[in-house]
Each structure stands twice: as structure tokens, then as C-alpha cells.
Amino acid sequence: MAAPPFFIPLLPQPLAGFPVTAYSIAYDIFTLANELDLPQGWNSPRANIYRQLKRLLLIGGFTRNQYSVWVNPNVTVLLAWNVLWSLETAPPPNKLSSTVKGLHISRMDQFALMDVTADVQIGGANVPNIRGPVPRDLVPQPLALQPPAGPIPPNAAFARPVHTRPSPAANDRNNYYQ
């Protein structure tokens, strides 16, 4: 079954009038959720997700300011918002939403901060479904996901998610929800 598409949420109305200025995007990710073997984690070196996020931020015109804080000194709020939400498209599907500890966008000239962490986590306002196999223990239960999360059926095609190292647990479809 193909993963449902991810749609970038609309820019919140209070941000719509913000000018072209400096914006930053900052993230924090649970390391163990990336590195532990299934079903508690992705069994993947954490560097993989960081490389994917870096690639998306560079494409969006952001440069690294600090470890996980990226800045674009001259950008529209709409572009900054779109880049922020594009991070959820880093492969494999739902990798960010299942491992994110914090995700923020800031308007730097006014020190205005918007925390979107709860919205980007699986089951949050903007990630209402799972788009691919996700380690079972990283899907918070109970959640009103649409469709509901569950084990991968025995007759469904299954491939270990990209960047997940091979292991008996990582190759076992019962350790994933979709």
C-alpha cells in the first residue's frame, strides 16, 4: 500500500502579516529513538536523520547557526513555514514525527517563537496518520489515527525502512505499525 501523502499545513493567520526578515528553525531529536533496535527505535545511525534535515534546510536557503538551529536572514514567513514542515518529508516516512523532541520556528527580529512539536508528532494536529512502517513502540497508543495504526498484515508487501540496519528485529514486520 502506498504511503498517504504529507500535506504542509496552512500558515496560521497570526503569522500571515509577518514581513520578510530573519527566521530560524530549530529541532531536537530523541537519539535513542533513532538508534535502538526495533520495536523501540529505528535501528539507524542518528547521522542519517541529521543529514536529511540538513539537506532540506539547505535547499530552503537556511544556514547552520548553531548545532540544530538554522537561520535564513532574508526570507518570507511563508517560505520559512514551508521549509519547517518539509522536514517531515525526510525519509523514511514518519521518521521525524516519531523521534522529534522539539521543533520551533522563530522570527528573530522580535524573538517571537512558535513551537510546533505537538503538531508534528505522530497523532498531532498535522500528522494524523502513519505514512509508512514505523517502529511499533514509537507510535503512541492509544491514538485516534486515521486510519488506526496496526501491525502490517502478513499478506502485505514489506520492506525494511531506508537507513534501518538489518537485524532480526528490523526484518520482523510485527515490530512495525502502519
C-alpha atoms as a PDB file:
ATOM      1  CA  MET A   1       0.000   0.000   0.000  1.00  0.00           C
ATOM      2  CA  ALA A   2       1.391   3.417  -0.936  1.00  0.00           C
ATOM      3  CA  ALA A   3       2.006   5.876   1.866  1.00  0.00           C
ATOM      4  CA  PRO A   4      -0.583   8.644   2.145  1.00  0.00           C
ATOM      5  CA  PRO A   5       0.870  11.998   1.062  1.00  0.00           C
ATOM      6  CA  PHE A   6       2.009  14.547   3.597  1.00  0.00           C
ATOM      7  CA  PHE A   7       0.476  17.998   3.198  1.00  0.00           C
ATOM      8  CA  ILE A   8       2.144  21.099   4.589  1.00  0.00           C
ATOM      9  CA  PRO A   9      -0.378  22.824   6.865  1.00  0.00           C
ATOM     10  CA  LEU A  10      -1.597  26.283   6.015  1.00  0.00           C
ATOM     11  CA  LEU A  11       0.252  29.214   7.508  1.00  0.00           C
ATOM     12  CA  PRO A  12      -1.507  30.255  10.734  1.00  0.00           C
ATOM     13  CA  GLN A  13      -3.388  33.527  10.291  1.00  0.00           C
ATOM     14  CA  PRO A  14      -1.448  35.413  13.022  1.00  0.00           C
ATOM     15  CA  LEU A  15       1.758  34.820  11.045  1.00  0.00           C
ATOM     16  CA  ALA A  16       0.341  35.900   7.693  1.00  0.00           C
ATOM     17  CA  GLY A  17       1.316  39.549   8.055  1.00  0.00           C
ATOM     18  CA  PHE A  18       4.901  38.920   9.135  1.00  0.00           C
ATOM     19  CA  PRO A  19       7.473  40.701   6.938  1.00  0.00           C
ATOM     20  CA  VAL A  20      10.499  39.448   5.071  1.00  0.00           C
ATOM     21  CA  THR A  21      13.082  39.176   7.835  1.00  0.00           C
ATOM     22  CA  ALA A  22      15.337  36.658   9.598  1.00  0.00           C
ATOM     23  CA  TYR A  23      13.707  33.396  10.675  1.00  0.00           C
ATOM     24  CA  SER A  24      15.232  30.410  12.391  1.00  0.00           C
ATOM     25  CA  ILE A  25      14.236  26.776  12.559  1.00  0.00           C
ATOM     26  CA  ALA A  26      15.420  24.661  15.487  1.00  0.00           C
ATOM     27  CA  TYR A  27      14.927  20.970  16.157  1.00  0.00           C
ATOM     28  CA  ASP A  28      15.774  18.443  18.833  1.00  0.00           C
ATOM     29  CA  ILE A  29      15.521  14.706  18.256  1.00  0.00           C
ATOM     30  CA  PHE A  30      15.466  11.729  20.637  1.00  0.00           C
ATOM     31  CA  THR A  31      18.750   9.941  19.903  1.00  0.00           C
ATOM     32  CA  LEU A  32      17.701   6.580  21.347  1.00  0.00           C
ATOM     33  CA  ALA A  33      14.547   6.530  19.230  1.00  0.00           C
ATOM     34  CA  ASN A  34      16.837   6.581  16.196  1.00  0.00           C
ATOM     35  CA  GLU A  35      19.462   4.139  17.405  1.00  0.00           C
ATOM     36  CA  LEU A  36      17.678   1.431  19.423  1.00  0.00           C
ATOM     37  CA  ASP A  37      16.702  -1.762  17.624  1.00  0.00           C
ATOM     38  CA  LEU A  38      13.078  -2.485  16.807  1.00  0.00           C
ATOM     39  CA  PRO A  39      10.463  -2.131  18.174  1.00  0.00           C
ATOM     40  CA  GLN A  40      11.831   0.627  20.478  1.00  0.00           C
ATOM     41  CA  GLY A  41      13.711   2.528  17.753  1.00  0.00           C
ATOM     42  CA  TRP A  42      14.653   2.743  14.094  1.00  0.00           C
ATOM     43  CA  ASN A  43      17.981   0.847  14.428  1.00  0.00           C
ATOM     44  CA  SER A  44      19.594   3.594  12.390  1.00  0.00           C
ATOM     45  CA  PRO A  45      22.636   5.786  12.956  1.00  0.00           C
ATOM     46  CA  ARG A  46      21.386   9.182  14.115  1.00  0.00           C
ATOM     47  CA  ALA A  47      23.577  10.830  11.481  1.00  0.00           C
ATOM     48  CA  ASN A  48      21.119   9.718   8.783  1.00  0.00           C
ATOM     49  CA  ILE A  49      18.232  11.853  10.032  1.00  0.00           C
ATOM     50  CA  TYR A  50      20.538  14.809  10.669  1.00  0.00           C
ATOM     51  CA  ARG A  51      21.860  14.592   7.092  1.00  0.00           C
ATOM     52  CA  GLN A  52      18.315  14.511   5.733  1.00  0.00           C
ATOM     53  CA  LEU A  53      17.254  17.545   7.793  1.00  0.00           C
ATOM     54  CA  LYS A  54      20.394  19.425   6.764  1.00  0.00           C
ATOM     55  CA  ARG A  55      19.688  18.732   3.094  1.00  0.00           C
ATOM     56  CA  LEU A  56      16.123  20.058   3.356  1.00  0.00           C
ATOM     57  CA  LEU A  57      17.181  23.162   5.296  1.00  0.00           C
ATOM     58  CA  LEU A  58      19.965  23.977   2.817  1.00  0.00           C
ATOM     59  CA  ILE A  59      17.527  23.593  -0.084  1.00  0.00           C
ATOM     60  CA  GLY A  60      15.287  26.103   1.722  1.00  0.00           C
ATOM     61  CA  GLY A  61      18.108  28.646   1.942  1.00  0.00           C
ATOM     62  CA  PHE A  62      18.865  28.160   5.644  1.00  0.00           C
ATOM     63  CA  THR A  63      22.387  28.008   7.042  1.00  0.00           C
ATOM     64  CA  ARG A  64      23.548  26.457  10.290  1.00  0.00           C
ATOM     65  CA  ASN A  65      23.784  28.968  13.129  1.00  0.00           C
ATOM     66  CA  GLN A  66      24.318  26.502  15.973  1.00  0.00           C
ATOM     67  CA  TYR A  67      24.172  22.732  16.307  1.00  0.00           C
ATOM     68  CA  SER A  68      20.487  22.285  15.417  1.00  0.00           C
ATOM     69  CA  VAL A  69      19.487  25.910  14.822  1.00  0.00           C
ATOM     70  CA  TRP A  70      19.300  27.059  11.219  1.00  0.00           C
ATOM     71  CA  VAL A  71      18.787  30.661  10.042  1.00  0.00           C
ATOM     72  CA  ASN A  72      17.732  32.412   6.873  1.00  0.00           C
ATOM     73  CA  PRO A  73      18.395  36.152   7.279  1.00  0.00           C
ATOM     74  CA  ASN A  74      16.088  37.332   4.490  1.00  0.00           C
ATOM     75  CA  VAL A  75      13.057  35.160   3.886  1.00  0.00           C
ATOM     76  CA  THR A  76       9.281  35.344   3.847  1.00  0.00           C
ATOM     77  CA  VAL A  77       7.381  33.746   6.692  1.00  0.00           C
ATOM     78  CA  LEU A  78       5.591  31.509   4.178  1.00  0.00           C
ATOM     79  CA  LEU A  79       8.842  30.091   2.828  1.00  0.00           C
ATOM     80  CA  ALA A  80      10.205  29.594   6.364  1.00  0.00           C
ATOM     81  CA  TRP A  81       6.942  27.841   7.342  1.00  0.00           C
ATOM     82  CA  ASN A  82       7.102  25.570   4.283  1.00  0.00           C
ATOM     83  CA  VAL A  83      10.738  24.660   4.957  1.00  0.00           C
ATOM     84  CA  LEU A  84       9.891  23.903   8.595  1.00  0.00           C
ATOM     85  CA  TRP A  85       7.152  21.477   7.596  1.00  0.00           C
ATOM     86  CA  SER A  86       9.172  19.983   4.727  1.00  0.00           C
ATOM     87  CA  LEU A  87      11.362  18.394   7.403  1.00  0.00           C
ATOM     88  CA  GLU A  88       8.592  15.838   7.960  1.00  0.00           C
ATOM     89  CA  THR A  89       9.263  14.544   4.429  1.00  0.00           C
ATOM     90  CA  ALA A  90      12.766  13.323   5.400  1.00  0.00           C
ATOM     91  CA  PRO A  91      12.891   9.608   4.642  1.00  0.00           C
ATOM     92  CA  PRO A  92      11.733   7.188   5.829  1.00  0.00           C
ATOM     93  CA  PRO A  93       8.140   8.388   6.290  1.00  0.00           C
ATOM     94  CA  ASN A  94       7.326   9.485   9.853  1.00  0.00           C
ATOM     95  CA  LYS A  95      10.975   9.352  10.946  1.00  0.00           C
ATOM     96  CA  LEU A  96      10.886  12.942  12.214  1.00  0.00           C
ATOM     97  CA  SER A  97       7.376  12.728  13.681  1.00  0.00           C
ATOM     98  CA  SER A  98       8.282   9.598  15.647  1.00  0.00           C
ATOM     99  CA  THR A  99      11.587  10.907  17.036  1.00  0.00           C
ATOM    100  CA  VAL A 100      11.128  14.677  17.450  1.00  0.00           C
ATOM    101  CA  LYS A 101      11.652  16.133  20.906  1.00  0.00           C
ATOM    102  CA  GLY A 102      11.246  19.758  19.828  1.00  0.00           C
ATOM    103  CA  LEU A 103      10.598  21.731  16.637  1.00  0.00           C
ATOM    104  CA  HIS A 104      10.394  25.534  16.581  1.00  0.00           C
ATOM    105  CA  ILE A 105      10.276  28.425  14.163  1.00  0.00           C
ATOM    106  CA  SER A 106      11.344  31.876  15.317  1.00  0.00           C
ATOM    107  CA  ARG A 107      11.094  35.386  13.968  1.00  0.00           C
ATOM    108  CA  MET A 108      14.473  36.634  15.072  1.00  0.00           C
ATOM    109  CA  ASP A 109      13.945  40.406  14.949  1.00  0.00           C
ATOM    110  CA  GLN A 110      11.196  40.156  17.591  1.00  0.00           C
ATOM    111  CA  PHE A 111      12.310  36.981  19.356  1.00  0.00           C
ATOM    112  CA  ALA A 112       8.889  35.507  18.533  1.00  0.00           C
ATOM    113  CA  LEU A 113       8.851  31.724  18.883  1.00  0.00           C
ATOM    114  CA  MET A 114       6.300  29.193  17.675  1.00  0.00           C
ATOM    115  CA  ASP A 115       6.595  25.645  18.999  1.00  0.00           C
ATOM    116  CA  VAL A 116       5.095  23.104  16.581  1.00  0.00           C
ATOM    117  CA  THR A 117       6.390  19.989  18.351  1.00  0.00           C
ATOM    118  CA  ALA A 118       2.975  18.625  19.374  1.00  0.00           C
ATOM    119  CA  ASP A 119       1.583  19.254  15.887  1.00  0.00           C
ATOM    120  CA  VAL A 120       4.375  17.353  14.092  1.00  0.00           C
ATOM    121  CA  GLN A 121       4.426  14.310  16.383  1.00  0.00           C
ATOM    122  CA  ILE A 122       2.510  11.228  15.247  1.00  0.00           C
ATOM    123  CA  GLY A 123      -1.142  11.821  16.084  1.00  0.00           C
ATOM    124  CA  GLY A 124      -0.591  15.582  16.282  1.00  0.00           C
ATOM    125  CA  ALA A 125      -2.826  18.079  14.513  1.00  0.00           C
ATOM    126  CA  ASN A 126      -0.791  17.924  11.304  1.00  0.00           C
ATOM    127  CA  VAL A 127       0.331  14.287  11.323  1.00  0.00           C
ATOM    128  CA  PRO A 128      -2.967  12.427  11.778  1.00  0.00           C
ATOM    129  CA  ASN A 129      -1.816   9.201  10.122  1.00  0.00           C
ATOM    130  CA  ILE A 130       1.177   6.964   9.616  1.00  0.00           C
ATOM    131  CA  ARG A 131       2.652   7.088   6.113  1.00  0.00           C
ATOM    132  CA  GLY A 132       4.880   4.024   6.264  1.00  0.00           C
ATOM    133  CA  PRO A 133       6.143   1.338   8.581  1.00  0.00           C
ATOM    134  CA  VAL A 134       7.042   2.909  11.938  1.00  0.00           C
ATOM    135  CA  PRO A 135       8.640   1.037  14.849  1.00  0.00           C
ATOM    136  CA  ARG A 136       5.754  -0.215  16.973  1.00  0.00           C
ATOM    137  CA  ASP A 137       6.884   1.321  20.266  1.00  0.00           C
ATOM    138  CA  LEU A 138       7.318   4.775  18.682  1.00  0.00           C
ATOM    139  CA  VAL A 139       3.605   5.002  17.853  1.00  0.00           C
ATOM    140  CA  PRO A 140       1.933   6.406  20.974  1.00  0.00           C
ATOM    141  CA  GLN A 141      -1.121   4.403  21.981  1.00  0.00           C
ATOM    142  CA  PRO A 142      -3.973   4.953  22.130  1.00  0.00           C
ATOM    143  CA  LEU A 143      -4.204   7.456  19.317  1.00  0.00           C
ATOM    144  CA  ALA A 144      -7.146   8.283  17.106  1.00  0.00           C
ATOM    145  CA  LEU A 145      -5.106   7.921  13.930  1.00  0.00           C
ATOM    146  CA  GLN A 146      -6.988   7.810  10.665  1.00  0.00           C
ATOM    147  CA  PRO A 147      -6.788   5.030   9.668  1.00  0.00           C
ATOM    148  CA  PRO A 148      -5.951   3.405  13.018  1.00  0.00           C
ATOM    149  CA  ALA A 149      -2.361   2.171  13.373  1.00  0.00           C
ATOM    150  CA  GLY A 150      -1.883  -1.546  13.433  1.00  0.00           C
ATOM    151  CA  PRO A 151       0.527  -4.334  12.567  1.00  0.00           C
ATOM    152  CA  ILE A 152       1.478  -4.875   8.956  1.00  0.00           C
ATOM    153  CA  PRO A 153      -0.776  -7.655   7.613  1.00  0.00           C
ATOM    154  CA  PRO A 154       1.022 -10.914   6.757  1.00  0.00           C
ATOM    155  CA  ASN A 155      -0.018 -10.721   3.078  1.00  0.00           C
ATOM    156  CA  ALA A 156       1.054  -7.066   2.599  1.00  0.00           C
ATOM    157  CA  ALA A 157       4.320  -6.174   0.907  1.00  0.00           C
ATOM    158  CA  PHE A 158       7.003  -5.223   3.400  1.00  0.00           C
ATOM    159  CA  ALA A 159      10.449  -3.735   3.062  1.00  0.00           C
ATOM    160  CA  ARG A 160      12.626  -2.560   5.926  1.00  0.00           C
ATOM    161  CA  PRO A 161      12.589   1.286   6.002  1.00  0.00           C
ATOM    162  CA  VAL A 162      15.510   3.108   4.431  1.00  0.00           C
ATOM    163  CA  HIS A 163      18.513   3.647   6.760  1.00  0.00           C
ATOM    164  CA  THR A 164      17.319   0.895   9.131  1.00  0.00           C
ATOM    165  CA  ARG A 165      20.173  -1.539   9.708  1.00  0.00           C
ATOM    166  CA  PRO A 166      19.395  -5.199   9.149  1.00  0.00           C
ATOM    167  CA  SER A 167      18.704  -7.239  12.257  1.00  0.00           C
ATOM    168  CA  PRO A 168      16.237  -9.998  13.101  1.00  0.00           C
ATOM    169  CA  ALA A 169      14.024  -7.415  14.874  1.00  0.00           C
ATOM    170  CA  ALA A 170      14.274  -4.901  12.000  1.00  0.00           C
ATOM    171  CA  ASN A 171      13.270  -7.565   9.484  1.00  0.00           C
ATOM    172  CA  ASP A 172      10.227  -8.643  11.519  1.00  0.00           C
ATOM    173  CA  ARG A 173       7.067  -6.946  10.213  1.00  0.00           C
ATOM    174  CA  ASN A 174       5.429  -7.473  13.632  1.00  0.00           C
ATOM    175  CA  ASN A 175       7.729  -4.807  15.092  1.00  0.00           C
ATOM    176  CA  TYR A 176       6.163  -2.105  12.917  1.00  0.00           C
ATOM    177  CA  TYR A 177       2.840  -0.333  12.726  1.00  0.00           C
ATOM    178  CA  GLN A 178       1.455   1.204   9.599  1.00  0.00           C
END
